[in-house]
Protein backbone atom coordinates (compact mmCIF):
# COMPACT_ATOMS: atom_id res chain seq x y z
CA MET A 1 0.00 0.00 0.00
CA SER A 2 1.41 3.38 -1.00
CA VAL A 3 1.94 6.21 1.47
CA MET A 4 -0.84 8.33 -0.04
CA LYS A 5 -3.35 5.49 0.21
CA ARG A 6 -2.39 4.89 3.84
CA LEU A 7 -2.72 8.59 4.63
CA SER A 8 -6.10 8.66 2.90
CA LEU A 9 -7.26 5.62 4.86
CA VAL A 10 -6.07 7.10 8.16
CA PHE A 11 -7.74 10.42 7.37
CA LYS A 12 -11.03 8.73 6.50
CA ALA A 13 -10.88 6.62 9.67
CA LYS A 14 -10.20 9.68 11.83
CA ALA A 15 -12.93 11.67 10.10
CA ASN A 16 -15.43 8.84 10.48
CA LYS A 17 -14.61 8.50 14.17
CA ALA A 18 -14.97 12.24 14.71
CA LEU A 19 -18.28 12.31 12.86
CA ASP A 20 -19.57 9.31 14.77
CA LYS A 21 -18.66 10.99 18.06
CA ALA A 22 -20.28 14.29 17.06
CA GLU A 23 -23.39 12.68 15.57
CA ASP A 24 -26.50 12.87 17.72
CA PRO A 25 -29.21 10.38 16.64
CA ARG A 26 -31.91 12.74 17.86
CA GLU A 27 -30.68 15.53 15.60
CA VAL A 28 -30.46 13.14 12.65
CA LEU A 29 -34.03 11.95 13.23
CA ASP A 30 -35.33 15.51 13.50
CA TYR A 31 -33.52 16.46 10.29
CA SER A 32 -34.98 13.45 8.46
CA TYR A 33 -38.44 14.34 9.70
CA GLN A 34 -38.05 17.91 8.47
CA LYS A 35 -37.00 16.66 5.03
CA GLN A 36 -40.06 14.40 4.86
CA LEU A 37 -42.29 17.32 5.82
CA GLN A 38 -40.76 19.38 3.03
CA MET A 39 -41.40 16.55 0.57
CA LEU A 40 -44.99 16.27 1.78
CA GLN A 41 -45.41 20.00 1.36
CA GLN A 42 -44.15 19.76 -2.22
CA VAL A 43 -46.62 16.97 -2.99
CA ARG A 44 -49.46 19.02 -1.51
CA ARG A 45 -48.40 21.98 -3.62
CA GLY A 46 -48.38 19.74 -6.70
CA VAL A 47 -51.89 18.49 -5.90
CA ALA A 48 -53.06 22.08 -5.50
CA ASP A 49 -51.50 23.10 -8.83
CA VAL A 50 -53.10 20.18 -10.69
CA ALA A 51 -56.46 20.90 -9.04
CA THR A 52 -56.18 24.54 -10.07
CA SER A 53 -55.46 23.57 -13.68
CA ARG A 54 -58.38 21.11 -13.65
CA LYS A 55 -60.70 23.80 -12.35
CA ARG A 56 -59.54 26.22 -15.01
CA VAL A 57 -60.23 23.68 -17.77
CA GLU A 58 -63.68 22.97 -16.31
CA LEU A 59 -64.46 26.67 -16.39
CA GLN A 60 -63.33 26.89 -20.00
CA ILE A 61 -65.48 23.92 -20.93
CA ASN A 62 -68.50 25.43 -19.20
CA GLY A 63 -67.91 28.71 -21.03
CA LEU A 64 -67.67 27.00 -24.41
CA LYS A 65 -70.80 24.97 -23.62
CA GLN A 66 -72.73 28.14 -22.90
CA GLN A 67 -71.54 29.66 -26.19
CA SER A 68 -72.48 26.45 -28.02
CA ASP A 69 -75.98 26.51 -26.53
CA LYS A 70 -76.36 30.13 -27.48
CA LEU A 71 -75.33 29.41 -31.10
CA THR A 72 -77.86 26.58 -31.19
CA GLN A 73 -80.61 28.97 -30.13
CA GLN A 74 -79.47 31.54 -32.71
CA ALA A 75 -79.50 28.96 -35.47
CA GLN A 76 -83.04 27.95 -34.44
CA LYS A 77 -84.23 31.54 -34.62
CA ALA A 78 -82.54 32.03 -38.00
CA ILE A 79 -84.40 29.00 -39.38
CA GLU A 80 -87.67 30.42 -38.04
CA MET A 81 -86.90 33.70 -39.82
CA ASN A 82 -85.99 31.88 -43.04
CA ARG A 83 -82.36 32.95 -42.68
CA GLU A 84 -80.69 29.75 -43.58
CA ASP A 85 -77.38 31.48 -44.15
CA LEU A 86 -77.29 32.79 -40.58
CA ALA A 87 -78.31 29.41 -39.23
CA ARG A 88 -75.49 27.75 -41.21
CA GLU A 89 -72.95 30.28 -39.83
CA ALA A 90 -74.14 29.72 -36.28
CA LEU A 91 -73.89 25.97 -36.64
CA THR A 92 -70.40 26.29 -38.16
CA ARG A 93 -69.22 28.28 -35.16
CA LYS A 94 -70.85 25.76 -32.87
CA SER A 95 -68.90 22.98 -34.58
CA GLY A 96 -65.63 24.80 -33.87
CA LEU A 97 -66.60 25.22 -30.21
CA THR A 98 -67.48 21.55 -30.01
CA GLN A 99 -64.00 20.62 -31.22
CA GLN A 100 -62.46 22.85 -28.57
CA MET A 101 -64.63 21.31 -25.90
CA ASN A 102 -63.55 17.84 -26.96
CA ASP A 103 -59.87 18.83 -26.62
CA LEU A 104 -60.53 20.40 -23.23
CA ASN A 105 -62.39 17.32 -22.07
CA THR A 106 -59.36 15.23 -23.00
CA GLN A 107 -57.11 17.57 -20.96
CA LEU A 108 -59.62 17.48 -18.13
CA ALA A 109 -59.54 13.70 -17.99
CA THR A 110 -55.72 13.75 -17.90
CA LEU A 111 -55.66 16.34 -15.14
CA GLN A 112 -58.22 14.40 -13.13
CA GLY A 113 -56.07 11.27 -13.40
CA GLU A 114 -52.94 13.19 -12.29
CA GLU A 115 -54.85 14.74 -9.43
CA GLU A 116 -56.06 11.36 -8.23
CA LYS A 117 -52.53 9.93 -8.38
CA LEU A 118 -51.04 12.88 -6.51
CA THR A 119 -53.80 12.80 -3.93
CA LEU A 120 -53.20 9.11 -3.31
CA ALA A 121 -49.44 9.71 -3.11
CA GLN A 122 -50.02 12.54 -0.68
CA GLN A 123 -52.15 10.36 1.56
CA ARG A 124 -49.55 7.58 1.57
CA LEU A 125 -46.69 9.99 2.22
CA GLN A 126 -48.61 11.72 4.98
CA ALA A 127 -49.29 8.37 6.66
CA LYS A 128 -45.60 7.49 6.34
CA VAL A 129 -44.56 10.84 7.81
CA GLU A 130 -46.93 10.41 10.75
CA SER A 131 -45.62 6.91 11.39
CA PHE A 132 -42.03 8.16 11.18
CA ARG A 133 -42.81 10.99 13.60
CA THR A 134 -44.21 8.55 16.17
CA LYS A 135 -41.25 6.21 15.78
CA LYS A 136 -38.86 9.15 15.90
CA GLU A 137 -40.21 10.39 19.20
CA THR A 138 -40.04 6.87 20.63
CA ILE A 139 -36.42 6.46 19.56
CA LYS A 140 -35.51 9.90 20.89
CA ALA A 141 -37.10 9.16 24.26
CA THR A 142 -35.36 5.79 24.47
CA TYR A 143 -32.00 7.32 23.52
CA THR A 144 -32.40 10.12 26.06
CA ALA A 145 -33.23 7.63 28.80
CA ALA A 146 -30.27 5.43 27.87
CA GLU A 147 -27.97 8.45 27.80
CA ALA A 148 -29.15 9.57 31.22
CA GLN A 149 -28.73 6.06 32.63
CA THR A 150 -25.21 5.88 31.19
CA ARG A 151 -24.25 9.20 32.75
CA ILE A 152 -25.64 8.10 36.11
CA ASN A 153 -23.74 4.82 35.98
CA GLU A 154 -20.54 6.58 34.97
CA ALA A 155 -21.00 9.11 37.77
CA ILE A 156 -21.55 6.33 40.31
CA SER A 157 -18.58 4.29 39.09
CA GLY A 158 -16.38 7.33 38.53
CA ILE A 159 -15.33 6.23 35.04
CA GLY A 160 -16.96 9.11 33.21
CA GLU A 161 -14.80 11.76 31.60
CA GLU A 162 -16.14 14.58 33.77
CA MET A 163 -15.98 12.52 36.95
CA GLY A 164 -12.46 11.46 36.01
CA ASP A 165 -11.46 15.10 35.77
CA VAL A 166 -13.04 15.76 39.16
CA GLY A 167 -11.16 12.82 40.67
CA MET A 168 -7.86 14.06 39.22
CA ALA A 169 -8.55 17.56 40.57
CA MET A 170 -9.23 16.13 44.04
CA GLN A 171 -6.03 14.08 43.88
CA ARG A 172 -4.03 17.17 42.90
CA ALA A 173 -5.61 19.14 45.74
CA GLU A 174 -4.72 16.41 48.24
CA ASP A 175 -1.14 16.25 46.93
CA LYS A 176 -0.74 20.02 47.20
CA THR A 177 -2.22 20.00 50.71
CA LEU A 178 0.23 17.31 51.84
CA GLU A 179 3.10 19.20 50.23
CA MET A 180 2.14 22.44 52.01
CA GLN A 181 1.78 20.63 55.34
CA ALA A 182 5.21 19.02 54.91
CA ARG A 183 6.74 22.38 53.98
CA ALA A 184 5.15 24.10 56.97
CA GLY A 185 6.41 21.37 59.31
CA ALA A 186 9.94 21.61 57.89
CA VAL A 187 10.00 25.39 58.32
CA ASP A 188 8.81 25.05 61.92
CA GLU A 189 11.60 22.57 62.65
CA LEU A 190 14.22 24.84 61.08
CA LEU A 191 12.98 27.84 63.08
CA ALA A 192 13.00 25.83 66.30
CA SER A 193 16.55 24.61 65.69
CA GLY A 194 17.80 28.08 64.83
CA ALA A 195 18.82 27.17 61.32
CA LEU A 196 16.46 29.88 60.07
CA ASP A 197 15.98 33.34 61.54
CA ASP A 198 12.51 34.47 62.47
CA LEU A 199 12.20 37.69 60.47
CA THR A 200 8.95 38.57 62.23
CA ALA A 201 10.75 38.89 65.58
CA GLY A 202 12.34 42.21 64.52
CA PRO A 203 16.00 43.20 64.02
CA THR A 204 18.66 42.11 66.58
CA ASP A 205 21.68 44.38 67.31
CA ASP A 206 25.19 43.32 68.42
CA ILE A 207 24.63 44.16 72.11
CA THR A 208 21.57 41.97 72.27
CA ARG A 209 23.43 39.11 70.65
CA GLN A 210 26.33 39.52 73.13
CA LEU A 211 23.93 39.57 76.09
CA ASP A 212 22.24 36.47 74.80
CA ALA A 213 25.62 34.77 74.42
CA LEU A 214 26.66 35.73 77.99
CA SER A 215 23.37 34.50 79.35
CA SER A 216 23.84 31.20 77.54
CA THR A 217 27.43 30.90 78.88
CA SER A 218 26.28 31.70 82.40
CA ASP A 219 23.60 29.06 82.20
CA VAL A 220 26.18 26.51 81.08
CA GLU A 221 28.58 27.40 83.92
CA ALA A 222 25.79 27.27 86.51
CA GLU A 223 24.71 23.86 85.30
CA LEU A 224 28.34 22.66 85.34
CA ALA A 225 28.79 23.90 88.91
CA ALA A 226 25.60 22.17 89.96
CA LEU A 227 26.89 18.93 88.52
CA LYS A 228 30.12 19.38 90.57
CA GLY A 229 28.07 19.94 93.70
CA LEU A 230 28.97 23.61 93.99
CA SER A 231 26.54 26.47 94.45
CA SER A 232 28.65 29.00 92.53
CA PRO A 233 31.89 29.03 90.55
CA GLN A 234 33.29 31.90 92.75
CA GLN A 235 32.54 30.43 96.25
CA THR A 236 33.72 27.43 98.26
CA GLN A 237 31.44 24.86 99.72
CA ALA A 238 32.08 22.50 102.67
CA LEU A 239 31.47 18.86 102.21
CA PRO A 240 28.58 17.45 104.20
CA GLY A 241 29.57 16.09 107.64
CA ALA A 242 32.92 17.96 107.82
CA ASP A 243 33.73 20.28 110.78
CA SER A 244 35.07 23.83 110.72
CA SER A 245 38.65 22.64 110.95
CA SER A 246 38.43 20.85 107.62
CA PRO A 247 40.64 22.33 104.94
CA VAL A 248 39.03 24.73 102.46
CA ILE A 249 39.12 23.73 98.81
CA ASP A 250 40.30 26.43 96.43
CA VAL A 251 38.04 25.95 93.44
CA ASP A 252 39.94 28.33 91.22
CA SER A 253 43.26 26.54 91.80
CA THR A 254 41.59 23.21 91.29
CA GLU A 255 40.09 24.31 87.96
CA LYS A 256 43.43 25.75 86.87
CA LYS A 257 45.21 22.47 87.67
CA ALA A 258 42.54 20.60 85.80
CA GLU A 259 43.00 22.82 82.84
CA GLN A 260 46.81 22.28 82.95
């Protein structure tokens, strides 16, 4: 298969799929019904045109018949008045009218036959259109019910396209919420550990930082002295149970020796 034929086949397949997806059976049925109504209207118009022509021919025939009857009366009067020449002329004219009436009668019979055929066709087409309309409404109602049932089932099962989008949106919202919670927890831990400065606490000058450092050092020394059983790094403390003659321990010299 050549490339062009393959491309043509693919294009036709895609186009057919797109058309099938976009096609709504209810719209197709309504369109078909409208076309049948238009056809029925055309047939009715044709019946009316043929009936009009038939009526016109009937009027012409009636007019010629009246003229023929009048010529017959004139010929009768001419005979009574011994005017054979006038009677002959009247009868000659009557003969011409008779020929015209015969031709019109032939046309009238043809028009009557056409009118009967069109009338019968109109009745059949009208019955077909009415039957199609009833069937169309039944199919449309059935399709609408099936479509609604399908949407309900898809909504319940969550496999519908719209419900799938909603589920994806909810999943994204949950993921973003978890991400924000994790970020907030991490920032709190960093602030608590001092790795990040709390900018909302206001600016800190050098003196404040030095005071904070001294306070921290003092707290460390006090805790160290407590662990050694001393009340203060600058004072001496007697051991429990010792009398006043017990030697006094020089803490400073002891610390210096320890440092050496």
